[in-house]
Amino acid sequence: MSSSSMRHVLSIAGSDTSGGAGIQADLKTMSACGVFGMSVITALTAQNTQGVQALHQVDADFVGAQIDAVFSDIRVDAVKIGMLGTLAVMKVIGKRLRWYRPKWIVVDPVLQAKNGYPLMEDTAKDIFLSEIVPLADLITPNLPETAALAGFVPQTMAELESAGKKILSLGAKAVLIKGGHRKTDADDVLVTNLGVHVFKGERLTSQHTHGTGCSLSSAITAYLARGLTILEAIERAKNYVRVGIEHGLNIGHGIGPIHHFYNLYHGEVPQL
């Protein structure tokens, strides 16, 4: 792929010191999926495979300056939004993206870390719903996030569809309810105004799943930037993450990260 034809994707999210989730996972995923990744950092975490220990929010004006720096110089083909944290940051991002109007915006509603550490201010939820959700061409909540957005925990397919429609009513154009927290399968359910589409997925036994949500949303964004339809982008992204989970890395003493480059390395780490 020549540099002139490569697509450029921007991640607006928090940083993960351990490299498994957040901005670090997004950039790895984007590279693996064939796009040029860029970043706007909204928050810094002290984080490892055992969870988040501390959080430092980036000043909202500086977040805005990062966005302006990218858009004023480089074509942005798609944007992935992850952890935002504060009300002020959400307002700045909402204003900037409505001004720059990128073709694709994928929102991963990061509310808390796997260990339950809160990653969004309690007072920021209403602004998230009014400023960020309506920007989403696709929003990718897991089941707990779906419950927070829709107001109830969906169990049956009918309830998943109902929850998806509730989120659509908030302004998102499409909702992918991820099945990672389901008991019997790992099916993801896409809800749009055209109907419901189920992406089948088997439950994997690997414990090394750190960064799966970040990586899935980033992969979808990359494939959308490359011209795939939403259905095609989700299918390919799910396969990418599945391979990463199957070959998850046993790093640290907790939940290790997925292997972002397994297909590129063919299971081997390149020699220096």
Protein backbone atom coordinates (compact mmCIF):
# COMPACT_ATOMS: atom_id res chain seq x y z
CA MET A 1 0.00 0.00 0.00
CA SER A 2 1.45 3.37 -1.00
CA SER A 3 1.54 6.24 1.47
CA SER A 4 -0.90 8.19 -0.72
CA SER A 5 -3.54 5.44 -0.56
CA MET A 6 -3.13 4.57 3.14
CA ARG A 7 -6.06 5.62 5.30
CA HIS A 8 -5.55 7.71 8.43
CA VAL A 9 -7.45 6.91 11.63
CA LEU A 10 -7.48 8.98 14.82
CA SER A 11 -8.01 7.51 18.27
CA ILE A 12 -9.27 9.84 21.00
CA ALA A 13 -8.81 7.88 24.22
CA GLY A 14 -6.84 7.30 27.41
CA SER A 15 -3.36 5.87 27.78
CA ASP A 16 -2.53 2.45 29.28
CA THR A 17 0.97 2.17 30.75
CA SER A 18 0.97 -1.62 30.30
CA GLY A 19 0.35 -1.29 26.55
CA GLY A 20 -2.60 -3.66 26.42
CA ALA A 21 -5.57 -1.31 26.16
CA GLY A 22 -6.40 2.32 25.44
CA ILE A 23 -4.35 4.39 23.00
CA GLN A 24 -1.58 1.79 22.91
CA ALA A 25 -3.94 -1.01 21.90
CA ASP A 26 -5.65 1.28 19.40
CA LEU A 27 -2.42 2.14 17.60
CA LYS A 28 -1.29 -1.49 17.53
CA THR A 29 -4.65 -2.55 16.15
CA MET A 30 -4.68 0.16 13.51
CA SER A 31 -1.21 -0.83 12.35
CA ALA A 32 -2.21 -4.49 12.17
CA CYS A 33 -5.35 -3.60 10.20
CA GLY A 34 -3.49 -1.59 7.59
CA VAL A 35 -4.14 2.05 8.46
CA PHE A 36 -2.00 4.89 9.81
CA GLY A 37 -2.96 5.49 13.43
CA MET A 38 -2.88 8.84 15.24
CA SER A 39 -3.79 9.72 18.80
CA VAL A 40 -5.33 12.34 21.04
CA ILE A 41 -4.76 11.43 24.68
CA THR A 42 -7.60 12.34 27.04
CA ALA A 43 -6.27 10.76 30.25
CA LEU A 44 -3.23 9.00 31.69
CA THR A 45 -3.62 5.83 33.72
CA ALA A 46 -1.23 4.01 36.00
CA GLN A 47 -2.31 0.57 34.85
CA ASN A 48 -1.08 -2.99 34.48
CA THR A 49 -2.56 -6.44 33.86
CA GLN A 50 -4.08 -6.38 37.36
CA GLY A 51 -6.06 -3.20 36.84
CA VAL A 52 -5.99 0.59 37.05
CA GLN A 53 -4.23 2.01 40.10
CA ALA A 54 -4.42 5.73 39.39
CA LEU A 55 -5.86 8.17 36.87
CA HIS A 56 -4.78 11.63 35.72
CA GLN A 57 -7.14 13.63 33.51
CA VAL A 58 -5.71 15.73 30.69
CA ASP A 59 -6.79 19.37 30.60
CA ALA A 60 -9.71 19.86 28.20
CA ASP A 61 -8.07 22.77 26.36
CA PHE A 62 -5.01 20.62 25.69
CA VAL A 63 -7.24 17.83 24.36
CA GLY A 64 -8.71 20.39 21.97
CA ALA A 65 -5.22 21.51 20.94
CA GLN A 66 -4.28 17.91 20.11
CA ILE A 67 -7.38 17.50 17.93
CA ASP A 68 -6.67 20.77 16.11
CA ALA A 69 -3.04 19.77 15.54
CA VAL A 70 -4.07 16.59 13.76
CA PHE A 71 -7.01 17.87 11.72
CA SER A 72 -5.22 21.05 10.61
CA ASP A 73 -2.41 19.07 9.03
CA ILE A 74 -3.46 15.48 8.21
CA ARG A 75 -6.52 14.05 6.46
CA VAL A 76 -8.57 12.05 8.98
CA ASP A 77 -10.59 9.25 7.39
CA ALA A 78 -12.18 7.96 10.59
CA VAL A 79 -12.20 8.59 14.34
CA LYS A 80 -12.45 6.13 17.21
CA ILE A 81 -13.51 7.55 20.57
CA GLY A 82 -12.65 5.64 23.73
CA MET A 83 -12.14 6.78 27.31
CA LEU A 84 -13.06 10.45 27.80
CA GLY A 85 -13.41 10.83 31.54
CA THR A 86 -14.56 14.35 32.24
CA LEU A 87 -17.46 16.56 31.32
CA ALA A 88 -15.13 19.32 30.08
CA VAL A 89 -13.24 16.95 27.76
CA MET A 90 -16.49 15.63 26.29
CA LYS A 91 -17.70 19.14 25.53
CA VAL A 92 -14.46 20.02 23.75
CA ILE A 93 -14.46 16.80 21.71
CA GLY A 94 -18.11 17.18 20.76
CA LYS A 95 -17.55 20.76 19.58
CA ARG A 96 -14.39 19.91 17.61
CA LEU A 97 -15.80 16.86 15.85
CA ARG A 98 -18.99 18.66 14.86
CA TRP A 99 -16.73 21.29 13.31
CA TYR A 100 -14.33 18.92 11.51
CA ARG A 101 -17.02 16.34 10.59
CA PRO A 102 -14.94 13.20 9.89
CA LYS A 103 -16.67 10.64 7.66
CA TRP A 104 -16.76 7.91 10.31
CA ILE A 105 -16.96 8.11 14.09
CA VAL A 106 -16.96 4.93 16.19
CA VAL A 107 -17.63 5.33 19.92
CA ASP A 108 -16.50 2.77 22.49
CA PRO A 109 -18.29 3.92 25.67
CA VAL A 110 -15.57 3.28 28.24
CA LEU A 111 -17.20 3.68 31.65
CA GLN A 112 -14.93 1.60 33.89
CA ALA A 113 -11.91 -0.70 33.80
CA LYS A 114 -12.13 -4.49 34.06
CA ASN A 115 -11.37 -4.28 37.79
CA GLY A 116 -14.24 -1.85 38.26
CA TYR A 117 -12.10 1.32 38.50
CA PRO A 118 -14.34 4.21 37.32
CA LEU A 119 -13.08 5.90 34.17
CA MET A 120 -15.86 8.43 33.71
CA GLU A 121 -17.01 11.12 36.13
CA ASP A 122 -20.49 10.46 37.52
CA THR A 123 -21.49 13.97 36.54
CA ALA A 124 -20.35 13.42 32.94
CA LYS A 125 -22.90 10.79 31.88
CA ASP A 126 -25.55 13.28 30.76
CA ILE A 127 -22.99 15.16 28.65
CA PHE A 128 -21.78 11.87 27.18
CA LEU A 129 -25.35 11.10 26.13
CA SER A 130 -25.98 14.54 24.66
CA GLU A 131 -22.55 15.41 23.19
CA ILE A 132 -20.85 12.14 22.24
CA VAL A 133 -23.47 9.46 21.52
CA PRO A 134 -25.17 11.52 18.76
CA LEU A 135 -21.81 11.73 16.94
CA ALA A 136 -21.58 7.94 16.64
CA ASP A 137 -21.97 6.26 13.28
CA LEU A 138 -21.49 3.16 15.43
CA ILE A 139 -21.36 2.74 19.21
CA THR A 140 -19.97 -0.49 20.70
CA PRO A 141 -21.13 -1.05 24.30
CA ASN A 142 -20.63 -4.30 26.20
CA LEU A 143 -23.51 -5.57 28.32
CA PRO A 144 -22.79 -3.48 31.45
CA GLU A 145 -22.35 -0.39 29.27
CA THR A 146 -25.54 -1.23 27.39
CA ALA A 147 -27.37 -1.40 30.71
CA ALA A 148 -25.98 2.00 31.70
CA LEU A 149 -27.03 3.57 28.39
CA ALA A 150 -30.39 1.84 27.96
CA GLY A 151 -31.42 1.73 31.61
CA PHE A 152 -31.84 -2.04 31.92
CA VAL A 153 -29.86 -5.28 31.55
CA PRO A 154 -30.91 -7.06 28.34
CA GLN A 155 -31.06 -10.86 28.44
CA THR A 156 -33.16 -12.13 25.54
CA MET A 157 -32.76 -11.24 21.86
CA ALA A 158 -35.91 -9.14 22.07
CA GLU A 159 -34.44 -7.23 25.02
CA LEU A 160 -31.14 -6.74 23.18
CA GLU A 161 -33.04 -5.29 20.24
CA SER A 162 -35.05 -3.06 22.58
CA ALA A 163 -31.86 -1.84 24.30
CA GLY A 164 -30.26 -1.14 20.94
CA LYS A 165 -33.28 0.88 19.83
CA LYS A 166 -33.15 2.88 23.06
CA ILE A 167 -29.54 3.80 22.31
CA LEU A 168 -30.45 4.63 18.71
CA SER A 169 -33.03 7.04 20.11
CA LEU A 170 -30.15 8.91 21.79
CA GLY A 171 -28.76 9.75 18.35
CA ALA A 172 -26.35 6.95 17.44
CA LYS A 173 -26.78 5.63 13.88
CA ALA A 174 -25.92 2.02 14.75
CA VAL A 175 -25.34 0.04 17.95
CA LEU A 176 -23.17 -3.07 18.32
CA ILE A 177 -23.95 -4.75 21.64
CA LYS A 178 -20.93 -6.92 22.38
CA GLY A 179 -21.46 -10.40 23.76
CA GLY A 180 -18.28 -10.83 25.79
CA HIS A 181 -20.22 -10.84 29.07
CA ARG A 182 -22.82 -13.35 27.87
CA LYS A 183 -22.90 -16.70 29.66
CA THR A 184 -23.49 -19.11 26.79
CA ASP A 185 -21.95 -17.52 23.70
CA ALA A 186 -20.06 -14.48 22.46
CA ASP A 187 -22.58 -13.30 19.88
CA ASP A 188 -22.56 -9.59 19.07
CA VAL A 189 -25.83 -7.93 18.10
CA LEU A 190 -25.96 -5.02 15.64
CA VAL A 191 -29.07 -2.85 15.83
CA THR A 192 -29.82 -0.20 13.21
CA ASN A 193 -32.96 1.44 11.89
CA LEU A 194 -32.93 -1.26 9.19
CA GLY A 195 -33.14 -4.11 11.68
CA VAL A 196 -30.98 -6.53 13.67
CA HIS A 197 -27.95 -8.56 12.60
CA VAL A 198 -26.31 -11.19 14.82
CA PHE A 199 -22.59 -11.89 14.53
CA LYS A 200 -22.01 -15.37 15.88
CA GLY A 201 -19.05 -15.89 18.19
CA GLU A 202 -17.90 -18.81 20.28
CA ARG A 203 -16.76 -18.31 23.85
CA LEU A 204 -12.98 -18.70 24.14
CA THR A 205 -11.22 -20.05 27.22
CA SER A 206 -8.19 -17.73 27.18
CA GLN A 207 -7.92 -15.46 30.20
CA HIS A 208 -5.76 -12.97 28.32
CA THR A 209 -8.40 -10.56 27.10
CA HIS A 210 -7.04 -7.19 28.23
CA GLY A 211 -7.86 -4.57 25.61
CA THR A 212 -10.45 -6.55 23.64
CA GLY A 213 -13.03 -3.75 23.60
CA CYS A 214 -10.51 -1.09 22.58
CA SER A 215 -9.08 -3.36 19.91
CA LEU A 216 -12.45 -4.34 18.45
CA SER A 217 -13.66 -0.76 18.09
CA SER A 218 -10.31 0.31 16.61
CA ALA A 219 -10.34 -2.56 14.11
CA ILE A 220 -13.87 -1.70 13.04
CA THR A 221 -12.86 1.94 12.60
CA ALA A 222 -9.81 0.94 10.54
CA TYR A 223 -11.86 -1.25 8.21
CA LEU A 224 -14.52 1.43 7.80
CA ALA A 225 -11.78 3.88 6.85
CA ARG A 226 -10.58 1.37 4.26
CA GLY A 227 -13.98 1.36 2.58
CA LEU A 228 -15.70 -1.72 4.03
CA THR A 229 -19.37 -1.63 4.97
CA ILE A 230 -20.34 -1.74 8.64
CA LEU A 231 -21.25 -5.43 8.35
CA GLU A 232 -17.96 -6.28 6.63
CA ALA A 233 -15.93 -4.15 9.04
CA ILE A 234 -17.48 -5.78 12.12
CA GLU A 235 -17.00 -9.30 10.72
CA ARG A 236 -13.34 -8.73 9.95
CA ALA A 237 -12.73 -6.94 13.24
CA LYS A 238 -14.33 -9.78 15.21
CA ASN A 239 -12.07 -12.27 13.44
CA TYR A 240 -9.02 -10.11 14.17
CA VAL A 241 -9.83 -9.92 17.88
CA ARG A 242 -10.70 -13.63 18.04
CA VAL A 243 -7.22 -14.54 16.76
CA GLY A 244 -5.70 -12.08 19.23
CA ILE A 245 -7.55 -13.69 22.13
CA GLU A 246 -6.72 -17.24 21.01
CA HIS A 247 -3.04 -16.31 21.15
CA GLY A 248 -3.23 -13.93 24.11
CA LEU A 249 0.06 -13.00 25.73
CA ASN A 250 0.91 -14.28 29.20
CA ILE A 251 2.37 -11.00 30.38
CA GLY A 252 2.29 -9.82 33.99
CA HIS A 253 0.44 -11.39 36.90
CA GLY A 254 -3.14 -10.63 35.89
CA ILE A 255 -5.17 -10.54 32.68
CA GLY A 256 -2.68 -10.36 29.82
CA PRO A 257 -3.26 -8.54 26.54
CA ILE A 258 -4.44 -10.03 23.29
CA HIS A 259 -1.77 -10.65 20.63
CA HIS A 260 -2.29 -7.70 18.28
CA PHE A 261 0.23 -8.86 15.69
CA TYR A 262 -0.20 -12.64 15.63
CA ASN A 263 -1.20 -12.79 11.96
CA LEU A 264 1.67 -10.52 10.94
CA TYR A 265 4.22 -12.46 12.98
CA HIS A 266 2.71 -15.87 12.20
CA GLY A 267 2.98 -16.58 15.90
CA GLU A 268 6.63 -15.62 16.12
CA VAL A 269 8.24 -12.49 17.52
CA PRO A 270 10.46 -10.92 14.82
CA GLN A 271 14.16 -11.20 15.51
CA LEU A 272 16.09 -7.98 16.07
